[in-house]
C-alpha atoms as a PDB file:
ATOM      1  CA  MET A   1       0.000   0.000   0.000  1.00  0.00           C
ATOM      2  CA  TYR A   2       1.242   3.519  -0.857  1.00  0.00           C
ATOM      3  CA  TYR A   3       0.863   4.782   2.708  1.00  0.00           C
ATOM      4  CA  ARG A   4       3.477   2.304   3.921  1.00  0.00           C
ATOM      5  CA  ASN A   5       6.029   3.757   1.505  1.00  0.00           C
ATOM      6  CA  LEU A   6       5.975   7.461   2.451  1.00  0.00           C
ATOM      7  CA  GLN A   7       9.571   8.674   2.774  1.00  0.00           C
ATOM      8  CA  LEU A   8      10.864  11.585   4.856  1.00  0.00           C
ATOM      9  CA  GLN A   9      12.200  13.560   1.900  1.00  0.00           C
ATOM     10  CA  GLU A  10       8.894  13.146   0.057  1.00  0.00           C
ATOM     11  CA  TRP A  11       6.974  14.357   3.123  1.00  0.00           C
ATOM     12  CA  LYS A  12       9.264  17.378   3.443  1.00  0.00           C
ATOM     13  CA  SER A  13       8.473  18.314  -0.153  1.00  0.00           C
ATOM     14  CA  PHE A  14       4.719  18.471   0.528  1.00  0.00           C
ATOM     15  CA  SER A  15       2.899  21.767   0.772  1.00  0.00           C
ATOM     16  CA  GLU A  16       0.461  22.060   3.669  1.00  0.00           C
ATOM     17  CA  PRO A  17      -2.570  21.285   1.436  1.00  0.00           C
ATOM     18  CA  GLN A  18      -0.756  18.211   0.082  1.00  0.00           C
ATOM     19  CA  ALA A  19       0.082  17.044   3.619  1.00  0.00           C
ATOM     20  CA  ILE A  20      -3.537  17.506   4.731  1.00  0.00           C
ATOM     21  CA  TYR A  21      -4.784  15.579   1.685  1.00  0.00           C
ATOM     22  CA  TYR A  22      -2.354  12.724   2.379  1.00  0.00           C
ATOM     23  CA  ALA A  23      -3.210  12.541   6.102  1.00  0.00           C
ATOM     24  CA  LYS A  24      -6.965  12.567   5.461  1.00  0.00           C
ATOM     25  CA  LYS A  25      -6.656   9.762   2.924  1.00  0.00           C
ATOM     26  CA  LEU A  26      -4.506   7.787   5.368  1.00  0.00           C
ATOM     27  CA  ALA A  27      -7.144   8.207   8.086  1.00  0.00           C
ATOM     28  CA  ASN A  28      -9.635   6.370   5.873  1.00  0.00           C
ATOM     29  CA  TYR A  29      -7.483   3.240   6.112  1.00  0.00           C
ATOM     30  CA  LEU A  30      -7.090   3.376   9.898  1.00  0.00           C
ATOM     31  CA  PRO A  31      -9.518   2.025  12.526  1.00  0.00           C
ATOM     32  CA  GLN A  32     -12.465   4.366  13.111  1.00  0.00           C
ATOM     33  CA  ASP A  33     -11.386   5.215  16.669  1.00  0.00           C
ATOM     34  CA  ILE A  34      -8.203   6.850  15.292  1.00  0.00           C
ATOM     35  CA  LYS A  35      -8.984  10.412  14.234  1.00  0.00           C
ATOM     36  CA  PHE A  36      -6.977  12.843  12.085  1.00  0.00           C
ATOM     37  CA  MET A  37      -6.728  16.073  14.090  1.00  0.00           C
ATOM     38  CA  GLY A  38      -4.927  18.375  11.675  1.00  0.00           C
ATOM     39  CA  ILE A  39      -1.544  19.649  10.451  1.00  0.00           C
ATOM     40  CA  SER A  40       0.780  22.028  12.293  1.00  0.00           C
ATOM     41  CA  SER A  41       4.003  23.691  11.160  1.00  0.00           C
ATOM     42  CA  HIS A  42       6.910  23.004  13.505  1.00  0.00           C
ATOM     43  CA  SER A  43      10.358  24.625  13.624  1.00  0.00           C
ATOM     44  CA  TYR A  44      13.160  22.664  15.236  1.00  0.00           C
ATOM     45  CA  CYS A  45      16.770  23.858  15.297  1.00  0.00           C
ATOM     46  CA  HIS A  46      17.627  24.733  11.702  1.00  0.00           C
ATOM     47  CA  GLN A  47      14.760  22.779  10.111  1.00  0.00           C
ATOM     48  CA  LYS A  48      11.022  23.047   9.543  1.00  0.00           C
ATOM     49  CA  ASN A  49       8.540  20.205   9.305  1.00  0.00           C
ATOM     50  CA  LEU A  50       4.802  19.679   8.962  1.00  0.00           C
ATOM     51  CA  ILE A  51       3.347  17.538  11.743  1.00  0.00           C
ATOM     52  CA  ALA A  52       0.224  15.443  11.076  1.00  0.00           C
ATOM     53  CA  HIS A  53      -1.591  14.808  14.362  1.00  0.00           C
ATOM     54  CA  PHE A  54      -3.827  11.816  15.026  1.00  0.00           C
ATOM     55  CA  GLU A  55      -5.796  11.078  18.193  1.00  0.00           C
ATOM     56  CA  TYR A  56      -6.486   7.723  19.805  1.00  0.00           C
ATOM     57  CA  ALA A  57      -8.137   7.222  23.208  1.00  0.00           C
ATOM     58  CA  GLY A  58      -7.200  10.713  24.378  1.00  0.00           C
ATOM     59  CA  SER A  59      -3.533  10.531  23.290  1.00  0.00           C
ATOM     60  CA  LEU A  60      -1.953  12.386  20.370  1.00  0.00           C
ATOM     61  CA  PHE A  61       0.169  10.596  17.768  1.00  0.00           C
ATOM     62  CA  SER A  62       2.485  12.060  15.116  1.00  0.00           C
ATOM     63  CA  LEU A  63       2.891  10.705  11.599  1.00  0.00           C
ATOM     64  CA  ILE A  64       6.527   9.674  11.148  1.00  0.00           C
ATOM     65  CA  PRO A  65       7.568   9.213   7.495  1.00  0.00           C
ATOM     66  CA  GLY A  66       9.834   6.284   6.724  1.00  0.00           C
ATOM     67  CA  ALA A  67      13.441   6.434   5.580  1.00  0.00           C
ATOM     68  CA  GLU A  68      16.448   4.451   4.494  1.00  0.00           C
ATOM     69  CA  VAL A  69      18.817   6.015   6.967  1.00  0.00           C
ATOM     70  CA  GLN A  70      22.046   5.553   8.863  1.00  0.00           C
ATOM     71  CA  ILE A  71      21.670   5.540  12.630  1.00  0.00           C
ATOM     72  CA  GLY A  72      24.181   5.056  15.434  1.00  0.00           C
ATOM     73  CA  TYR A  73      27.049   7.406  16.225  1.00  0.00           C
ATOM     74  CA  ASP A  74      30.609   7.838  15.015  1.00  0.00           C
ATOM     75  CA  ALA A  75      32.468   9.337  17.970  1.00  0.00           C
ATOM     76  CA  GLU A  76      35.478  10.067  15.762  1.00  0.00           C
ATOM     77  CA  ARG A  77      33.547  13.036  14.346  1.00  0.00           C
ATOM     78  CA  PHE A  78      32.726  14.397  17.822  1.00  0.00           C
ATOM     79  CA  CYS A  79      34.494  17.712  18.514  1.00  0.00           C
ATOM     80  CA  PRO A  80      33.835  18.354  22.213  1.00  0.00           C
ATOM     81  CA  THR A  81      33.834  21.887  23.563  1.00  0.00           C
ATOM     82  CA  LYS A  82      36.465  22.845  26.107  1.00  0.00           C
ATOM     83  CA  GLU A  83      33.734  22.765  28.777  1.00  0.00           C
ATOM     84  CA  GLN A  84      32.763  19.208  27.817  1.00  0.00           C
ATOM     85  CA  LEU A  85      36.417  18.140  27.874  1.00  0.00           C
ATOM     86  CA  SER A  86      36.960  19.722  31.280  1.00  0.00           C
ATOM     87  CA  SER A  87      33.833  18.163  32.766  1.00  0.00           C
ATOM     88  CA  PHE A  88      34.707  14.714  31.417  1.00  0.00           C
ATOM     89  CA  LYS A  89      38.302  15.023  32.677  1.00  0.00           C
ATOM     90  CA  ASP A  90      37.103  15.792  36.206  1.00  0.00           C
ATOM     91  CA  THR A  91      34.713  12.841  36.152  1.00  0.00           C
ATOM     92  CA  ALA A  92      37.329  10.476  34.720  1.00  0.00           C
ATOM     93  CA  GLU A  93      39.816  11.392  37.447  1.00  0.00           C
ATOM     94  CA  GLU A  94      37.240  10.980  40.222  1.00  0.00           C
ATOM     95  CA  TYR A  95      35.799   7.684  38.970  1.00  0.00           C
ATOM     96  CA  GLY A  96      38.916   6.106  37.472  1.00  0.00           C
ATOM     97  CA  ILE A  97      37.760   6.158  33.850  1.00  0.00           C
ATOM     98  CA  GLU A  98      40.776   5.352  31.700  1.00  0.00           C
ATOM     99  CA  GLU A  99      39.303   6.006  28.248  1.00  0.00           C
ATOM    100  CA  ASP A 100      39.548   9.375  26.569  1.00  0.00           C
ATOM    101  CA  ILE A 101      36.301  11.212  25.832  1.00  0.00           C
ATOM    102  CA  THR A 102      36.065   9.881  22.252  1.00  0.00           C
ATOM    103  CA  THR A 103      36.528   6.256  23.265  1.00  0.00           C
ATOM    104  CA  TYR A 104      34.112   6.608  26.153  1.00  0.00           C
ATOM    105  CA  VAL A 105      31.376   8.206  24.039  1.00  0.00           C
ATOM    106  CA  GLN A 106      31.793   5.453  21.453  1.00  0.00           C
ATOM    107  CA  SER A 107      31.432   2.808  24.174  1.00  0.00           C
ATOM    108  CA  ILE A 108      28.023   4.065  25.303  1.00  0.00           C
ATOM    109  CA  THR A 109      26.508   4.751  21.875  1.00  0.00           C
ATOM    110  CA  THR A 110      25.241   2.313  19.282  1.00  0.00           C
ATOM    111  CA  PRO A 111      27.420   1.597  16.233  1.00  0.00           C
ATOM    112  CA  LEU A 112      26.736   3.038  12.803  1.00  0.00           C
ATOM    113  CA  ARG A 113      24.327   0.938  10.756  1.00  0.00           C
ATOM    114  CA  ASN A 114      21.971   1.356   7.817  1.00  0.00           C
ATOM    115  CA  VAL A 115      18.310   0.624   8.472  1.00  0.00           C
ATOM    116  CA  THR A 116      14.994   0.829   6.642  1.00  0.00           C
ATOM    117  CA  ILE A 117      12.181   2.353   8.676  1.00  0.00           C
ATOM    118  CA  LEU A 118       8.566   2.197   7.514  1.00  0.00           C
ATOM    119  CA  PRO A 119       6.106   5.031   8.213  1.00  0.00           C
ATOM    120  CA  LEU A 120       4.567   4.980  11.683  1.00  0.00           C
ATOM    121  CA  LEU A 121       2.097   6.796  13.891  1.00  0.00           C
ATOM    122  CA  VAL A 122       3.976   7.384  17.136  1.00  0.00           C
ATOM    123  CA  GLU A 123       2.706   8.648  20.489  1.00  0.00           C
ATOM    124  CA  ILE A 124       3.929  12.197  21.065  1.00  0.00           C
ATOM    125  CA  GLN A 125       4.440  11.891  24.816  1.00  0.00           C
ATOM    126  CA  PRO A 126       5.497   8.660  26.569  1.00  0.00           C
ATOM    127  CA  GLN A 127       3.310   7.276  29.339  1.00  0.00           C
ATOM    128  CA  GLU A 128       4.568   6.081  32.697  1.00  0.00           C
ATOM    129  CA  ILE A 129       4.154   2.368  33.284  1.00  0.00           C
ATOM    130  CA  GLY A 130       2.263   0.797  36.177  1.00  0.00           C
ATOM    131  CA  LEU A 131       0.089   3.737  37.312  1.00  0.00           C
ATOM    132  CA  GLU A 132      -3.577   2.769  37.723  1.00  0.00           C
ATOM    133  CA  PRO A 133      -5.890   5.643  38.744  1.00  0.00           C
ATOM    134  CA  ILE A 134      -7.679   5.344  42.094  1.00  0.00           C
ATOM    135  CA  SER A 135     -10.021   7.718  43.917  1.00  0.00           C
ATOM    136  CA  HIS A 136      -8.327  10.372  46.043  1.00  0.00           C
ATOM    137  CA  THR A 137     -11.204   9.994  48.500  1.00  0.00           C
ATOM    138  CA  GLU A 138      -9.851   6.638  49.701  1.00  0.00           C
ATOM    139  CA  PRO A 139      -9.022   6.826  53.463  1.00  0.00           C
ATOM    140  CA  GLU A 140      -5.373   5.907  52.821  1.00  0.00           C
ATOM    141  CA  ILE A 141      -4.989   8.758  50.328  1.00  0.00           C
ATOM    142  CA  GLN A 142      -6.707  11.262  52.617  1.00  0.00           C
ATOM    143  CA  ASN A 143      -4.361  10.279  55.462  1.00  0.00           C
ATOM    144  CA  LEU A 144      -1.340  10.811  53.211  1.00  0.00           C
ATOM    145  CA  LEU A 145      -2.560  14.278  52.260  1.00  0.00           C
ATOM    146  CA  LYS A 146      -2.936  15.191  55.936  1.00  0.00           C
ATOM    147  CA  GLN A 147       0.503  13.792  56.805  1.00  0.00           C
ATOM    148  CA  HIS A 148       2.190  15.716  53.958  1.00  0.00           C
ATOM    149  CA  PRO A 149       0.292  19.019  53.723  1.00  0.00           C
ATOM    150  CA  ASP A 150       3.071  20.839  51.825  1.00  0.00           C
ATOM    151  CA  SER A 151       4.111  18.094  49.379  1.00  0.00           C
ATOM    152  CA  ARG A 152       3.061  18.317  45.747  1.00  0.00           C
ATOM    153  CA  ILE A 153       3.925  14.665  45.002  1.00  0.00           C
ATOM    154  CA  ILE A 154       3.738  11.902  47.592  1.00  0.00           C
ATOM    155  CA  GLU A 155       4.909   8.346  46.898  1.00  0.00           C
ATOM    156  CA  VAL A 156       4.828   5.635  49.539  1.00  0.00           C
ATOM    157  CA  ASN A 157       6.698   2.320  49.452  1.00  0.00           C
ATOM    158  CA  ASN A 158       6.356   2.107  45.680  1.00  0.00           C
ATOM    159  CA  LYS A 159       2.665   1.272  46.230  1.00  0.00           C
ATOM    160  CA  CYS A 160       0.799   4.496  45.568  1.00  0.00           C
ATOM    161  CA  ARG A 161       1.370   8.030  44.313  1.00  0.00           C
ATOM    162  CA  VAL A 162      -0.580  11.207  45.070  1.00  0.00           C
ATOM    163  CA  GLU A 163      -0.172  14.520  43.242  1.00  0.00           C
ATOM    164  CA  ARG A 164      -1.573  17.949  44.019  1.00  0.00           C
ATOM    165  CA  VAL A 165      -2.065  20.113  40.936  1.00  0.00           C
ATOM    166  CA  LYS A 166      -2.239  23.899  40.649  1.00  0.00           C
ATOM    167  CA  ASP A 167      -6.004  24.252  40.872  1.00  0.00           C
ATOM    168  CA  GLY A 168      -6.129  22.331  44.145  1.00  0.00           C
ATOM    169  CA  ALA A 169      -7.315  19.078  42.598  1.00  0.00           C
ATOM    170  CA  VAL A 170      -5.772  15.803  43.700  1.00  0.00           C
ATOM    171  CA  SER A 171      -4.911  12.774  41.544  1.00  0.00           C
ATOM    172  CA  ALA A 172      -3.969   9.388  42.947  1.00  0.00           C
ATOM    173  CA  TRP A 173      -2.629   6.155  41.482  1.00  0.00           C
ATOM    174  CA  GLN A 174      -1.890   2.650  42.627  1.00  0.00           C
ATOM    175  CA  ILE A 175       1.561   1.504  41.487  1.00  0.00           C
ATOM    176  CA  VAL A 176       1.311  -1.939  39.886  1.00  0.00           C
ATOM    177  CA  ASN A 177       4.310  -4.097  38.987  1.00  0.00           C
ATOM    178  CA  LYS A 178       4.542  -4.680  35.223  1.00  0.00           C
ATOM    179  CA  THR A 179       6.863  -6.945  33.255  1.00  0.00           C
ATOM    180  CA  HIS A 180       7.886  -6.515  29.642  1.00  0.00           C
ATOM    181  CA  SER A 181       5.508  -9.331  28.670  1.00  0.00           C
ATOM    182  CA  ASP A 182       2.642  -7.667  30.563  1.00  0.00           C
ATOM    183  CA  ILE A 183       3.172  -4.374  28.764  1.00  0.00           C
ATOM    184  CA  THR A 184       3.592  -5.925  25.315  1.00  0.00           C
ATOM    185  CA  ALA A 185       0.388  -7.930  25.727  1.00  0.00           C
ATOM    186  CA  GLU A 186      -1.561  -4.962  27.091  1.00  0.00           C
ATOM    187  CA  ILE A 187      -0.534  -2.732  24.190  1.00  0.00           C
ATOM    188  CA  ALA A 188      -1.199  -5.479  21.640  1.00  0.00           C
ATOM    189  CA  SER A 189      -4.740  -5.839  23.018  1.00  0.00           C
ATOM    190  CA  GLN A 190      -5.269  -2.195  21.950  1.00  0.00           C
ATOM    191  CA  GLY A 191      -4.090  -2.975  18.411  1.00  0.00           C
ATOM    192  CA  LEU A 192      -0.832  -1.098  19.065  1.00  0.00           C
ATOM    193  CA  ARG A 193       2.789  -2.105  19.585  1.00  0.00           C
ATOM    194  CA  LEU A 194       6.112  -0.921  20.972  1.00  0.00           C
ATOM    195  CA  LEU A 195       8.825   0.765  18.950  1.00  0.00           C
ATOM    196  CA  THR A 196      11.885  -1.288  18.096  1.00  0.00           C
ATOM    197  CA  SER A 197      15.191   0.100  19.337  1.00  0.00           C
ATOM    198  CA  ASP A 198      16.167   1.115  15.782  1.00  0.00           C
ATOM    199  CA  GLU A 199      12.820   2.842  15.244  1.00  0.00           C
ATOM    200  CA  TRP A 200      13.232   4.723  18.526  1.00  0.00           C
ATOM    201  CA  GLU A 201      16.663   5.970  17.495  1.00  0.00           C
ATOM    202  CA  TYR A 202      15.391   7.115  14.108  1.00  0.00           C
ATOM    203  CA  ILE A 203      12.363   8.984  15.459  1.00  0.00           C
ATOM    204  CA  CYS A 204      14.537  10.694  18.081  1.00  0.00           C
ATOM    205  CA  GLY A 205      17.288  12.003  15.807  1.00  0.00           C
ATOM    206  CA  ALA A 206      15.319  12.185  12.544  1.00  0.00           C
ATOM    207  CA  GLY A 207      18.466  11.249  10.629  1.00  0.00           C
ATOM    208  CA  GLU A 208      20.762  13.868  12.209  1.00  0.00           C
ATOM    209  CA  LYS A 209      24.342  12.661  12.748  1.00  0.00           C
ATOM    210  CA  THR A 210      25.067  14.802  15.814  1.00  0.00           C
ATOM    211  CA  LEU A 211      25.521  13.418  19.331  1.00  0.00           C
ATOM    212  CA  PHE A 212      22.269  14.915  20.602  1.00  0.00           C
ATOM    213  CA  ARG A 213      19.167  15.498  18.531  1.00  0.00           C
ATOM    214  CA  TRP A 214      19.882  19.270  18.652  1.00  0.00           C
ATOM    215  CA  GLY A 215      23.628  19.154  17.950  1.00  0.00           C
ATOM    216  CA  ASP A 216      26.868  18.206  19.728  1.00  0.00           C
ATOM    217  CA  ALA A 217      26.882  20.918  22.398  1.00  0.00           C
ATOM    218  CA  CYS A 218      25.455  20.834  25.911  1.00  0.00           C
ATOM    219  CA  PRO A 219      25.958  23.152  28.877  1.00  0.00           C
ATOM    220  CA  CYS A 220      28.409  21.859  31.468  1.00  0.00           C
ATOM    221  CA  ASP A 221      27.340  23.979  34.417  1.00  0.00           C
ATOM    222  CA  ARG A 222      24.053  22.154  35.032  1.00  0.00           C
ATOM    223  CA  TYR A 223      22.202  18.896  34.562  1.00  0.00           C
ATOM    224  CA  PRO A 224      19.311  18.679  32.089  1.00  0.00           C
ATOM    225  CA  THR A 225      16.921  18.559  35.061  1.00  0.00           C
ATOM    226  CA  ASP A 226      18.253  21.824  36.553  1.00  0.00           C
ATOM    227  CA  ASN A 227      16.796  25.305  36.183  1.00  0.00           C
ATOM    228  CA  THR A 228      13.880  24.614  33.872  1.00  0.00           C
ATOM    229  CA  PRO A 229      13.675  27.824  31.813  1.00  0.00           C
ATOM    230  CA  LYS A 230      10.585  29.996  31.722  1.00  0.00           C
ATOM    231  CA  GLU A 231      11.232  31.398  28.271  1.00  0.00           C
ATOM    232  CA  ARG A 232      12.637  29.878  25.101  1.00  0.00           C
ATOM    233  CA  ARG A 233      15.740  31.440  23.635  1.00  0.00           C
ATOM    234  CA  ARG A 234      15.755  32.830  20.112  1.00  0.00           C
ATOM    235  CA  ARG A 235      16.730  30.367  17.363  1.00  0.00           C
ATOM    236  CA  THR A 236      18.389  32.861  15.012  1.00  0.00           C
ATOM    237  CA  GLU A 237      21.955  32.143  16.141  1.00  0.00           C
ATOM    238  CA  TRP A 238      21.351  28.418  15.752  1.00  0.00           C
ATOM    239  CA  ALA A 239      20.325  28.772  12.120  1.00  0.00           C
ATOM    240  CA  LEU A 240      23.212  31.097  11.320  1.00  0.00           C
ATOM    241  CA  SER A 241      25.765  28.845  13.024  1.00  0.00           C
ATOM    242  CA  GLY A 242      24.767  25.675  11.201  1.00  0.00           C
ATOM    243  CA  GLY A 243      23.723  23.940  14.390  1.00  0.00           C
ATOM    244  CA  LYS A 244      26.740  24.898  16.504  1.00  0.00           C
ATOM    245  CA  ILE A 245      25.262  26.826  19.391  1.00  0.00           C
ATOM    246  CA  PRO A 246      27.329  29.796  20.633  1.00  0.00           C
ATOM    247  CA  PHE A 247      26.010  29.638  24.195  1.00  0.00           C
ATOM    248  CA  GLU A 248      27.435  31.193  27.342  1.00  0.00           C
ATOM    249  CA  LEU A 249      27.643  28.938  30.381  1.00  0.00           C
ATOM    250  CA  ASP A 250      25.962  31.460  32.659  1.00  0.00           C
ATOM    251  CA  GLU A 251      22.845  31.749  30.466  1.00  0.00           C
ATOM    252  CA  PRO A 252      19.781  30.468  32.355  1.00  0.00           C
ATOM    253  CA  ASP A 253      17.709  29.833  29.239  1.00  0.00           C
ATOM    254  CA  TRP A 254      19.189  26.657  27.713  1.00  0.00           C
ATOM    255  CA  ASP A 255      16.180  24.594  26.712  1.00  0.00           C
ATOM    256  CA  PHE A 256      16.982  22.825  23.442  1.00  0.00           C
ATOM    257  CA  HIS A 257      16.374  19.452  25.110  1.00  0.00           C
ATOM    258  CA  LEU A 258      12.867  20.539  26.132  1.00  0.00           C
ATOM    259  CA  VAL A 259      11.748  21.563  22.644  1.00  0.00           C
ATOM    260  CA  PRO A 260       9.821  18.803  20.780  1.00  0.00           C
ATOM    261  CA  ASN A 261      12.014  17.252  18.107  1.00  0.00           C
ATOM    262  CA  LEU A 262      11.649  17.505  14.324  1.00  0.00           C
ATOM    263  CA  PHE A 263       8.682  15.115  14.392  1.00  0.00           C
ATOM    264  CA  GLY A 264       6.996  17.018  17.218  1.00  0.00           C
ATOM    265  CA  LEU A 265       7.797  14.319  19.773  1.00  0.00           C
ATOM    266  CA  LYS A 266       8.622  14.978  23.426  1.00  0.00           C
ATOM    267  CA  ILE A 267      11.628  12.704  23.513  1.00  0.00           C
ATOM    268  CA  ALA A 268      15.089  12.539  25.151  1.00  0.00           C
ATOM    269  CA  GLN A 269      14.223  15.446  27.459  1.00  0.00           C
ATOM    270  CA  ASN A 270      14.922  14.011  30.906  1.00  0.00           C
ATOM    271  CA  PRO A 271      17.410  11.216  31.765  1.00  0.00           C
ATOM    272  CA  TYR A 272      14.979   9.882  34.381  1.00  0.00           C
ATOM    273  CA  VAL A 273      12.457   9.140  31.627  1.00  0.00           C
ATOM    274  CA  TRP A 274      13.771   5.982  30.020  1.00  0.00           C
ATOM    275  CA  GLU A 275      11.553   4.252  27.497  1.00  0.00           C
ATOM    276  CA  ILE A 276      11.206   0.524  27.021  1.00  0.00           C
ATOM    277  CA  VAL A 277      11.179  -0.818  23.466  1.00  0.00           C
ATOM    278  CA  ALA A 278      10.222  -4.063  21.728  1.00  0.00           C
ATOM    279  CA  GLU A 279      13.536  -5.684  22.627  1.00  0.00           C
ATOM    280  CA  GLU A 280      13.479  -6.946  26.206  1.00  0.00           C
ATOM    281  CA  ASN A 281      15.989  -5.453  28.673  1.00  0.00           C
ATOM    282  CA  VAL A 282      16.660  -2.479  26.374  1.00  0.00           C
ATOM    283  CA  VAL A 283      15.723   1.084  27.316  1.00  0.00           C
ATOM    284  CA  ARG A 284      16.259   4.243  25.278  1.00  0.00           C
ATOM    285  CA  GLY A 285      16.189   7.966  25.947  1.00  0.00           C
ATOM    286  CA  GLY A 286      17.733   7.993  29.408  1.00  0.00           C
ATOM    287  CA  ASP A 287      19.426   6.028  32.164  1.00  0.00           C
ATOM    288  CA  GLY A 288      16.710   6.270  34.817  1.00  0.00           C
ATOM    289  CA  GLY A 289      18.696   9.075  36.445  1.00  0.00           C
ATOM    290  CA  CYS A 290      21.653   6.827  37.323  1.00  0.00           C
ATOM    291  CA  ASN A 291      24.349   9.313  36.311  1.00  0.00           C
ATOM    292  CA  ILE A 292      22.720  12.309  37.962  1.00  0.00           C
ATOM    293  CA  CYS A 293      21.875  10.389  41.145  1.00  0.00           C
ATOM    294  CA  GLY A 294      25.443   9.089  41.194  1.00  0.00           C
ATOM    295  CA  GLY A 295      26.752  12.648  41.220  1.00  0.00           C
ATOM    296  CA  VAL A 296      28.869  12.363  38.085  1.00  0.00           C
ATOM    297  CA  GLY A 297      29.913  15.493  36.212  1.00  0.00           C
ATOM    298  CA  PHE A 298      27.579  17.597  34.123  1.00  0.00           C
ATOM    299  CA  PHE A 299      28.700  16.249  30.734  1.00  0.00           C
ATOM    300  CA  MET A 300      28.032  12.698  31.917  1.00  0.00           C
ATOM    301  CA  GLY A 301      24.646  13.856  33.192  1.00  0.00           C
ATOM    302  CA  TRP A 302      23.699  14.976  29.672  1.00  0.00           C
ATOM    303  CA  LEU A 303      25.011  11.915  27.817  1.00  0.00           C
ATOM    304  CA  PRO A 304      21.931   9.721  28.439  1.00  0.00           C
ATOM    305  CA  LEU A 305      19.989  12.153  26.224  1.00  0.00           C
ATOM    306  CA  ALA A 306      22.286  11.383  23.268  1.00  0.00           C
ATOM    307  CA  THR A 307      20.265   9.968  20.376  1.00  0.00           C
ATOM    308  CA  ALA A 308      22.366   6.791  20.110  1.00  0.00           C
ATOM    309  CA  TYR A 309      22.931   6.387  23.866  1.00  0.00           C
ATOM    310  CA  TRP A 310      22.720   2.785  25.026  1.00  0.00           C
ATOM    311  CA  ASP A 311      24.758   1.746  28.044  1.00  0.00           C
ATOM    312  CA  GLN A 312      24.431  -2.033  28.184  1.00  0.00           C
ATOM    313  CA  SER A 313      25.364  -2.076  31.891  1.00  0.00           C
ATOM    314  CA  ILE A 314      21.849  -0.722  32.540  1.00  0.00           C
ATOM    315  CA  THR A 315      20.577  -4.245  31.835  1.00  0.00           C
ATOM    316  CA  GLU A 316      21.346  -5.254  35.427  1.00  0.00           C
ATOM    317  CA  TRP A 317      18.761  -2.726  36.617  1.00  0.00           C
ATOM    318  CA  LEU A 318      16.125  -4.433  34.468  1.00  0.00           C
ATOM    319  CA  ASP A 319      16.848  -8.040  35.424  1.00  0.00           C
ATOM    320  CA  GLU A 320      14.262  -8.095  38.225  1.00  0.00           C
ATOM    321  CA  GLY A 321      11.507  -7.703  35.641  1.00  0.00           C
ATOM    322  CA  ASP A 322       9.491  -4.919  37.305  1.00  0.00           C
ATOM    323  CA  LEU A 323       9.293  -2.003  34.877  1.00  0.00           C
ATOM    324  CA  SER A 324       7.245   0.371  37.008  1.00  0.00           C
ATOM    325  CA  ASP A 325       8.930   3.818  36.929  1.00  0.00           C
ATOM    326  CA  SER A 326       9.704   3.222  33.237  1.00  0.00           C
ATOM    327  CA  PHE A 327       7.903   4.805  30.292  1.00  0.00           C
ATOM    328  CA  VAL A 328       6.327   3.499  27.113  1.00  0.00           C
ATOM    329  CA  ARG A 329       5.663   5.169  23.749  1.00  0.00           C
ATOM    330  CA  ARG A 330       3.042   3.360  21.680  1.00  0.00           C
ATOM    331  CA  VAL A 331       2.932   2.860  17.907  1.00  0.00           C
ATOM    332  CA  ILE A 332      -0.142   2.660  15.681  1.00  0.00           C
ATOM    333  CA  PRO A 333       0.833   0.416  12.759  1.00  0.00           C
ATOM    334  CA  ILE A 334      -0.017   1.722   9.284  1.00  0.00           C
ATOM    335  CA  PRO A 335      -1.787  -1.028   7.314  1.00  0.00           C
END
């Protein structure tokens, strides 16, 4: 079918009316509970893209064109900034890392490989695993609220979570242990599936060959979870510099990791948010916060957001089988 052959370069050549026409025709071949919601124009770094939005069961999905593309990372082309070199040097001395920065980066990124990716509908925002809504009026929840009157989020013994939101409302969840098999079966029952690891890497970087989806640079005076900016910085310098960002380390407005990527996906934004994929014992998009919690240097704190990041030592954290605290991004297959 033609819709399974849409390529990224072809999609980029579409005008907005052509993209709308394509997306509407595609919607006719999808299950009736999947709705086409419209087209938006999205600017990301030095590129522009049209995003086709679809809705299923209250969640938004983005149309991802296919591609024959090279993924993985070649650390030999990495030209670290002096701040990245300094941060890595401090960490290496403290933790006894013998490799240089190039060798180390190569060791925690996937190798270069050529892959063929078919078009997909991919969930824009990943969902946390193992949270089942419960009523906040339950006596146990009410007691927790009284015991922690000033806490916005309360989590007890990995059994339940309570969150106060700005308008004073309260949400509560029971935390349920989930295995990879549980999650795969649950998603399959919805007619959906998980991304493969290769698909995840493609949708994150959209074919870019830089270390991160926004380029090679990252600030080395903060972690990606520090000082969430209130305003987005102007993108003019980015475009003029060809993707090399002339930032100052004391600027409080670094937010390139928080901007949705070229496909409009909220992805690789927070190292604590690691996503499971179709392959068991593989997570992408983060390290569960291991580096930051371990107090390593700032450069090492940013590395888990690298598009090709995959530290195989993380497998030991997944051996117990419980994937609560992980995240999942669902795929709607295109027939």
